């Protein structure tokens, strides 16, 4: 077996106090080639950049809604709405799809008119819709819904530039 002379082996030098080796100065050892140092730095930089990119992409979740979360409000609904501040009421009939989109109809009693209802009711119960009553004007609807045995909710709508409050109550449509 080959044994090195104790004086020929590389040794860490002691610092000025003599108690701890100075790890940057090693006697008898060559420094790595500058190309090797550059490759090591590039690899470390790319690794850190890659990890940072993964974390950044993982943190970008958009609006916080989980697209895999099922929409509890999905289905066909029929019911009524009323607004004491507007002095009107009517009926609602709409379908909420798995992606939260919503289509249906809405009626008013004063004057007796029908509207096409288009919007969204997301998995968190946030409702945004437009009821197009044609020449009589549109309702721009924003509100919230809660699912009990029925679908209950309140909304605020803008009609001809004035805001009004309303509420609704719907039951699952037959076969829905």
C-alpha atoms as a PDB file:
ATOM      1  CA  UNK A   1       0.000   0.000   0.000  1.00  0.00           C
ATOM      2  CA  UNK A   2       1.239   3.445  -0.914  1.00  0.00           C
ATOM      3  CA  UNK A   3       1.736   5.825   1.971  1.00  0.00           C
ATOM      4  CA  UNK A   4       2.296   9.523   1.547  1.00  0.00           C
ATOM      5  CA  UNK A   5       4.808  11.358   3.542  1.00  0.00           C
ATOM      6  CA  UNK A   6       2.891  13.413   6.205  1.00  0.00           C
ATOM      7  CA  UNK A   7       4.586  16.532   4.951  1.00  0.00           C
ATOM      8  CA  UNK A   8       3.448  15.890   1.324  1.00  0.00           C
ATOM      9  CA  UNK A   9      -0.280  15.597   2.135  1.00  0.00           C
ATOM     10  CA  UNK A  10      -2.445  18.720   1.578  1.00  0.00           C
ATOM     11  CA  UNK A  11      -3.343  20.401   4.842  1.00  0.00           C
ATOM     12  CA  UNK A  12      -5.608  23.249   5.789  1.00  0.00           C
ATOM     13  CA  UNK A  13      -3.679  26.167   7.145  1.00  0.00           C
ATOM     14  CA  UNK A  14      -4.499  27.649  10.531  1.00  0.00           C
ATOM     15  CA  UNK A  15      -5.836  31.162  10.812  1.00  0.00           C
ATOM     16  CA  UNK A  16      -4.116  33.893  12.783  1.00  0.00           C
ATOM     17  CA  UNK A  17      -5.535  32.579  16.067  1.00  0.00           C
ATOM     18  CA  UNK A  18      -4.308  29.093  15.227  1.00  0.00           C
ATOM     19  CA  UNK A  19      -7.536  27.364  16.266  1.00  0.00           C
ATOM     20  CA  UNK A  20      -9.602  27.035  13.079  1.00  0.00           C
ATOM     21  CA  UNK A  21      -8.451  26.110   9.636  1.00  0.00           C
ATOM     22  CA  UNK A  22      -8.923  28.723   6.947  1.00  0.00           C
ATOM     23  CA  UNK A  23     -10.865  26.739   4.391  1.00  0.00           C
ATOM     24  CA  UNK A  24     -10.007  29.049   1.535  1.00  0.00           C
ATOM     25  CA  UNK A  25      -6.272  28.497   1.735  1.00  0.00           C
ATOM     26  CA  UNK A  26      -5.245  24.872   1.391  1.00  0.00           C
ATOM     27  CA  UNK A  27      -1.560  24.143   1.005  1.00  0.00           C
ATOM     28  CA  UNK A  28      -0.579  21.679  -1.670  1.00  0.00           C
ATOM     29  CA  UNK A  29      -3.943  21.708  -3.548  1.00  0.00           C
ATOM     30  CA  UNK A  30      -4.547  23.172  -6.987  1.00  0.00           C
ATOM     31  CA  UNK A  31      -7.381  25.592  -7.666  1.00  0.00           C
ATOM     32  CA  UNK A  32     -10.051  24.261 -10.074  1.00  0.00           C
ATOM     33  CA  UNK A  33      -9.753  25.409 -13.654  1.00  0.00           C
ATOM     34  CA  UNK A  34     -11.732  28.647 -14.367  1.00  0.00           C
ATOM     35  CA  UNK A  35     -13.861  26.826 -16.965  1.00  0.00           C
ATOM     36  CA  UNK A  36     -14.897  24.288 -14.340  1.00  0.00           C
ATOM     37  CA  UNK A  37     -15.790  27.080 -11.919  1.00  0.00           C
ATOM     38  CA  UNK A  38     -17.893  28.750 -14.642  1.00  0.00           C
ATOM     39  CA  UNK A  39     -19.734  25.489 -15.381  1.00  0.00           C
ATOM     40  CA  UNK A  40     -20.493  24.966 -11.695  1.00  0.00           C
ATOM     41  CA  UNK A  41     -21.807  28.515 -11.354  1.00  0.00           C
ATOM     42  CA  UNK A  42     -23.949  28.169 -14.490  1.00  0.00           C
ATOM     43  CA  UNK A  43     -25.449  24.892 -13.219  1.00  0.00           C
ATOM     44  CA  UNK A  44     -26.228  26.385  -9.829  1.00  0.00           C
ATOM     45  CA  UNK A  45     -27.736  29.476 -11.422  1.00  0.00           C
ATOM     46  CA  UNK A  46     -29.901  27.396 -13.751  1.00  0.00           C
ATOM     47  CA  UNK A  47     -30.987  25.196 -10.862  1.00  0.00           C
ATOM     48  CA  UNK A  48     -31.984  28.216  -8.780  1.00  0.00           C
ATOM     49  CA  UNK A  49     -33.699  29.816 -11.783  1.00  0.00           C
ATOM     50  CA  UNK A  50     -35.592  26.570 -12.467  1.00  0.00           C
ATOM     51  CA  UNK A  51     -36.724  26.229  -8.859  1.00  0.00           C
ATOM     52  CA  UNK A  52     -37.727  29.883  -8.772  1.00  0.00           C
ATOM     53  CA  UNK A  53     -39.727  29.474 -11.980  1.00  0.00           C
ATOM     54  CA  UNK A  54     -41.522  26.409 -10.652  1.00  0.00           C
ATOM     55  CA  UNK A  55     -42.418  28.207  -7.435  1.00  0.00           C
ATOM     56  CA  UNK A  56     -43.594  31.276  -9.347  1.00  0.00           C
ATOM     57  CA  UNK A  57     -45.797  29.201 -11.652  1.00  0.00           C
ATOM     58  CA  UNK A  58     -47.151  27.219  -8.716  1.00  0.00           C
ATOM     59  CA  UNK A  59     -48.044  30.470  -6.966  1.00  0.00           C
ATOM     60  CA  UNK A  60     -49.936  31.801  -9.986  1.00  0.00           C
ATOM     61  CA  UNK A  61     -53.381  30.422  -9.389  1.00  0.00           C
ATOM     62  CA  UNK A  62     -55.358  33.173 -11.009  1.00  0.00           C
ATOM     63  CA  UNK A  63     -58.410  34.233  -9.010  1.00  0.00           C
ATOM     64  CA  UNK A  64     -58.254  31.594  -6.320  1.00  0.00           C
ATOM     65  CA  UNK A  65     -61.132  29.538  -7.605  1.00  0.00           C
ATOM     66  CA  UNK A  66     -60.378  25.860  -7.913  1.00  0.00           C
ATOM     67  CA  UNK A  67     -61.472  24.770 -11.409  1.00  0.00           C
ATOM     68  CA  UNK A  68     -61.785  21.157 -10.225  1.00  0.00           C
ATOM     69  CA  UNK A  69     -64.215  22.119  -7.463  1.00  0.00           C
ATOM     70  CA  UNK A  70     -67.718  20.996  -8.449  1.00  0.00           C
ATOM     71  CA  UNK A  71     -70.345  23.691  -8.838  1.00  0.00           C
ATOM     72  CA  UNK A  72     -72.939  22.960  -6.155  1.00  0.00           C
ATOM     73  CA  UNK A  73     -75.482  25.164  -7.912  1.00  0.00           C
ATOM     74  CA  UNK A  74     -75.417  23.186 -11.158  1.00  0.00           C
ATOM     75  CA  UNK A  75     -78.855  22.260 -12.459  1.00  0.00           C
ATOM     76  CA  UNK A  76     -82.209  23.713 -13.474  1.00  0.00           C
ATOM     77  CA  UNK A  77     -83.915  26.194 -11.143  1.00  0.00           C
ATOM     78  CA  UNK A  78     -87.364  27.862 -11.060  1.00  0.00           C
ATOM     79  CA  UNK A  79     -88.514  30.531  -8.644  1.00  0.00           C
ATOM     80  CA  UNK A  80     -89.466  34.106  -7.936  1.00  0.00           C
ATOM     81  CA  UNK A  81     -87.692  37.381  -7.283  1.00  0.00           C
ATOM     82  CA  UNK A  82     -88.894  40.531  -5.564  1.00  0.00           C
ATOM     83  CA  UNK A  83     -87.587  44.056  -5.056  1.00  0.00           C
ATOM     84  CA  UNK A  84     -89.141  46.339  -2.470  1.00  0.00           C
ATOM     85  CA  UNK A  85     -86.865  49.221  -3.511  1.00  0.00           C
ATOM     86  CA  UNK A  86     -87.888  48.883  -7.174  1.00  0.00           C
ATOM     87  CA  UNK A  87     -91.517  47.976  -6.477  1.00  0.00           C
ATOM     88  CA  UNK A  88     -91.518  45.032  -8.866  1.00  0.00           C
ATOM     89  CA  UNK A  89     -91.281  41.256  -8.867  1.00  0.00           C
ATOM     90  CA  UNK A  90     -91.379  38.340 -11.251  1.00  0.00           C
ATOM     91  CA  UNK A  91     -90.227  34.849 -12.018  1.00  0.00           C
ATOM     92  CA  UNK A  92     -86.869  33.232 -12.694  1.00  0.00           C
ATOM     93  CA  UNK A  93     -86.089  30.097 -14.634  1.00  0.00           C
ATOM     94  CA  UNK A  94     -82.456  29.271 -15.338  1.00  0.00           C
ATOM     95  CA  UNK A  95     -79.848  26.548 -15.744  1.00  0.00           C
ATOM     96  CA  UNK A  96     -76.425  26.611 -14.090  1.00  0.00           C
ATOM     97  CA  UNK A  97     -73.850  24.520 -15.965  1.00  0.00           C
ATOM     98  CA  UNK A  98     -70.802  22.706 -14.538  1.00  0.00           C
ATOM     99  CA  UNK A  99     -68.479  25.586 -15.501  1.00  0.00           C
ATOM    100  CA  UNK A 100     -70.706  28.080 -13.638  1.00  0.00           C
ATOM    101  CA  UNK A 101     -72.244  29.673 -16.725  1.00  0.00           C
ATOM    102  CA  UNK A 102     -75.925  30.426 -16.418  1.00  0.00           C
ATOM    103  CA  UNK A 103     -78.713  30.947 -18.970  1.00  0.00           C
ATOM    104  CA  UNK A 104     -82.447  31.333 -18.592  1.00  0.00           C
ATOM    105  CA  UNK A 105     -85.342  33.764 -18.427  1.00  0.00           C
ATOM    106  CA  UNK A 106     -86.549  36.441 -16.032  1.00  0.00           C
ATOM    107  CA  UNK A 107     -89.929  38.173 -16.002  1.00  0.00           C
ATOM    108  CA  UNK A 108     -91.241  41.444 -14.581  1.00  0.00           C
ATOM    109  CA  UNK A 109     -94.817  42.231 -13.603  1.00  0.00           C
ATOM    110  CA  UNK A 110     -94.653  46.056 -14.042  1.00  0.00           C
ATOM    111  CA  UNK A 111     -94.665  46.208 -17.017  1.00  0.00           C
ATOM    112  CA  UNK A 112     -95.213  42.582 -17.945  1.00  0.00           C
ATOM    113  CA  UNK A 113     -92.005  41.818 -19.847  1.00  0.00           C
ATOM    114  CA  UNK A 114     -89.664  38.887 -20.377  1.00  0.00           C
ATOM    115  CA  UNK A 115     -85.880  38.913 -20.425  1.00  0.00           C
ATOM    116  CA  UNK A 116     -83.120  36.585 -21.470  1.00  0.00           C
ATOM    117  CA  UNK A 117     -80.865  35.925 -18.493  1.00  0.00           C
ATOM    118  CA  UNK A 118     -77.164  35.266 -19.152  1.00  0.00           C
ATOM    119  CA  UNK A 119     -74.315  35.183 -16.628  1.00  0.00           C
ATOM    120  CA  UNK A 120     -72.414  33.101 -14.108  1.00  0.00           C
ATOM    121  CA  UNK A 121     -73.066  31.544 -10.718  1.00  0.00           C
ATOM    122  CA  UNK A 122     -69.683  30.219  -9.608  1.00  0.00           C
ATOM    123  CA  UNK A 123     -68.909  27.444  -7.126  1.00  0.00           C
ATOM    124  CA  UNK A 124     -68.606  30.050  -4.335  1.00  0.00           C
ATOM    125  CA  UNK A 125     -72.138  31.369  -4.916  1.00  0.00           C
ATOM    126  CA  UNK A 126     -71.118  34.648  -6.583  1.00  0.00           C
ATOM    127  CA  UNK A 127     -73.636  35.636  -9.235  1.00  0.00           C
ATOM    128  CA  UNK A 128     -73.087  38.067 -12.108  1.00  0.00           C
ATOM    129  CA  UNK A 129     -75.714  38.296 -14.836  1.00  0.00           C
ATOM    130  CA  UNK A 130     -77.495  40.460 -17.352  1.00  0.00           C
ATOM    131  CA  UNK A 131     -81.252  40.322 -17.861  1.00  0.00           C
ATOM    132  CA  UNK A 132     -81.977  41.797 -21.282  1.00  0.00           C
ATOM    133  CA  UNK A 133     -85.476  43.297 -21.260  1.00  0.00           C
ATOM    134  CA  UNK A 134     -85.003  44.829 -24.704  1.00  0.00           C
ATOM    135  CA  UNK A 135     -86.222  48.397 -25.290  1.00  0.00           C
ATOM    136  CA  UNK A 136     -87.480  48.627 -21.702  1.00  0.00           C
ATOM    137  CA  UNK A 137     -83.884  48.348 -20.422  1.00  0.00           C
ATOM    138  CA  UNK A 138     -81.580  45.766 -18.878  1.00  0.00           C
ATOM    139  CA  UNK A 139     -80.891  44.620 -15.341  1.00  0.00           C
ATOM    140  CA  UNK A 140     -77.165  44.390 -14.563  1.00  0.00           C
ATOM    141  CA  UNK A 141     -77.198  41.879 -11.704  1.00  0.00           C
ATOM    142  CA  UNK A 142     -74.557  41.191  -9.046  1.00  0.00           C
ATOM    143  CA  UNK A 143     -75.287  39.089  -5.995  1.00  0.00           C
ATOM    144  CA  UNK A 144     -74.787  35.936  -3.988  1.00  0.00           C
ATOM    145  CA  UNK A 145     -76.625  32.664  -3.579  1.00  0.00           C
ATOM    146  CA  UNK A 146     -76.845  30.095  -0.806  1.00  0.00           C
ATOM    147  CA  UNK A 147     -77.903  26.503  -1.266  1.00  0.00           C
ATOM    148  CA  UNK A 148     -80.186  25.056   1.396  1.00  0.00           C
ATOM    149  CA  UNK A 149     -82.887  22.715   0.146  1.00  0.00           C
ATOM    150  CA  UNK A 150     -83.676  25.632  -2.150  1.00  0.00           C
ATOM    151  CA  UNK A 151     -81.504  28.206  -3.847  1.00  0.00           C
ATOM    152  CA  UNK A 152     -81.799  31.497  -1.953  1.00  0.00           C
ATOM    153  CA  UNK A 153     -80.050  34.712  -2.740  1.00  0.00           C
ATOM    154  CA  UNK A 154     -79.917  38.451  -2.828  1.00  0.00           C
ATOM    155  CA  UNK A 155     -78.727  40.688  -5.598  1.00  0.00           C
ATOM    156  CA  UNK A 156     -78.232  44.283  -6.526  1.00  0.00           C
ATOM    157  CA  UNK A 157     -79.234  45.376  -9.986  1.00  0.00           C
ATOM    158  CA  UNK A 158     -78.753  48.536 -11.965  1.00  0.00           C
ATOM    159  CA  UNK A 159     -81.660  49.682 -14.110  1.00  0.00           C
ATOM    160  CA  UNK A 160     -81.384  52.880 -16.152  1.00  0.00           C
ATOM    161  CA  UNK A 161     -78.476  54.058 -13.994  1.00  0.00           C
ATOM    162  CA  UNK A 162     -80.174  53.521 -10.613  1.00  0.00           C
ATOM    163  CA  UNK A 163     -79.241  50.714  -8.176  1.00  0.00           C
ATOM    164  CA  UNK A 164     -81.923  48.558  -6.531  1.00  0.00           C
ATOM    165  CA  UNK A 165     -81.878  45.620  -4.118  1.00  0.00           C
ATOM    166  CA  UNK A 166     -83.745  42.356  -4.640  1.00  0.00           C
ATOM    167  CA  UNK A 167     -83.944  38.789  -3.393  1.00  0.00           C
ATOM    168  CA  UNK A 168     -84.870  35.471  -4.954  1.00  0.00           C
ATOM    169  CA  UNK A 169     -85.921  31.974  -3.989  1.00  0.00           C
ATOM    170  CA  UNK A 170     -85.733  29.035  -6.378  1.00  0.00           C
ATOM    171  CA  UNK A 171     -86.446  25.318  -6.211  1.00  0.00           C
ATOM    172  CA  UNK A 172     -84.966  22.600  -8.399  1.00  0.00           C
ATOM    173  CA  UNK A 173     -86.926  22.325 -11.618  1.00  0.00           C
ATOM    174  CA  UNK A 174     -88.828  19.082 -12.179  1.00  0.00           C
ATOM    175  CA  UNK A 175     -86.387  16.620 -13.736  1.00  0.00           C
ATOM    176  CA  UNK A 176     -83.436  19.043 -13.070  1.00  0.00           C
END
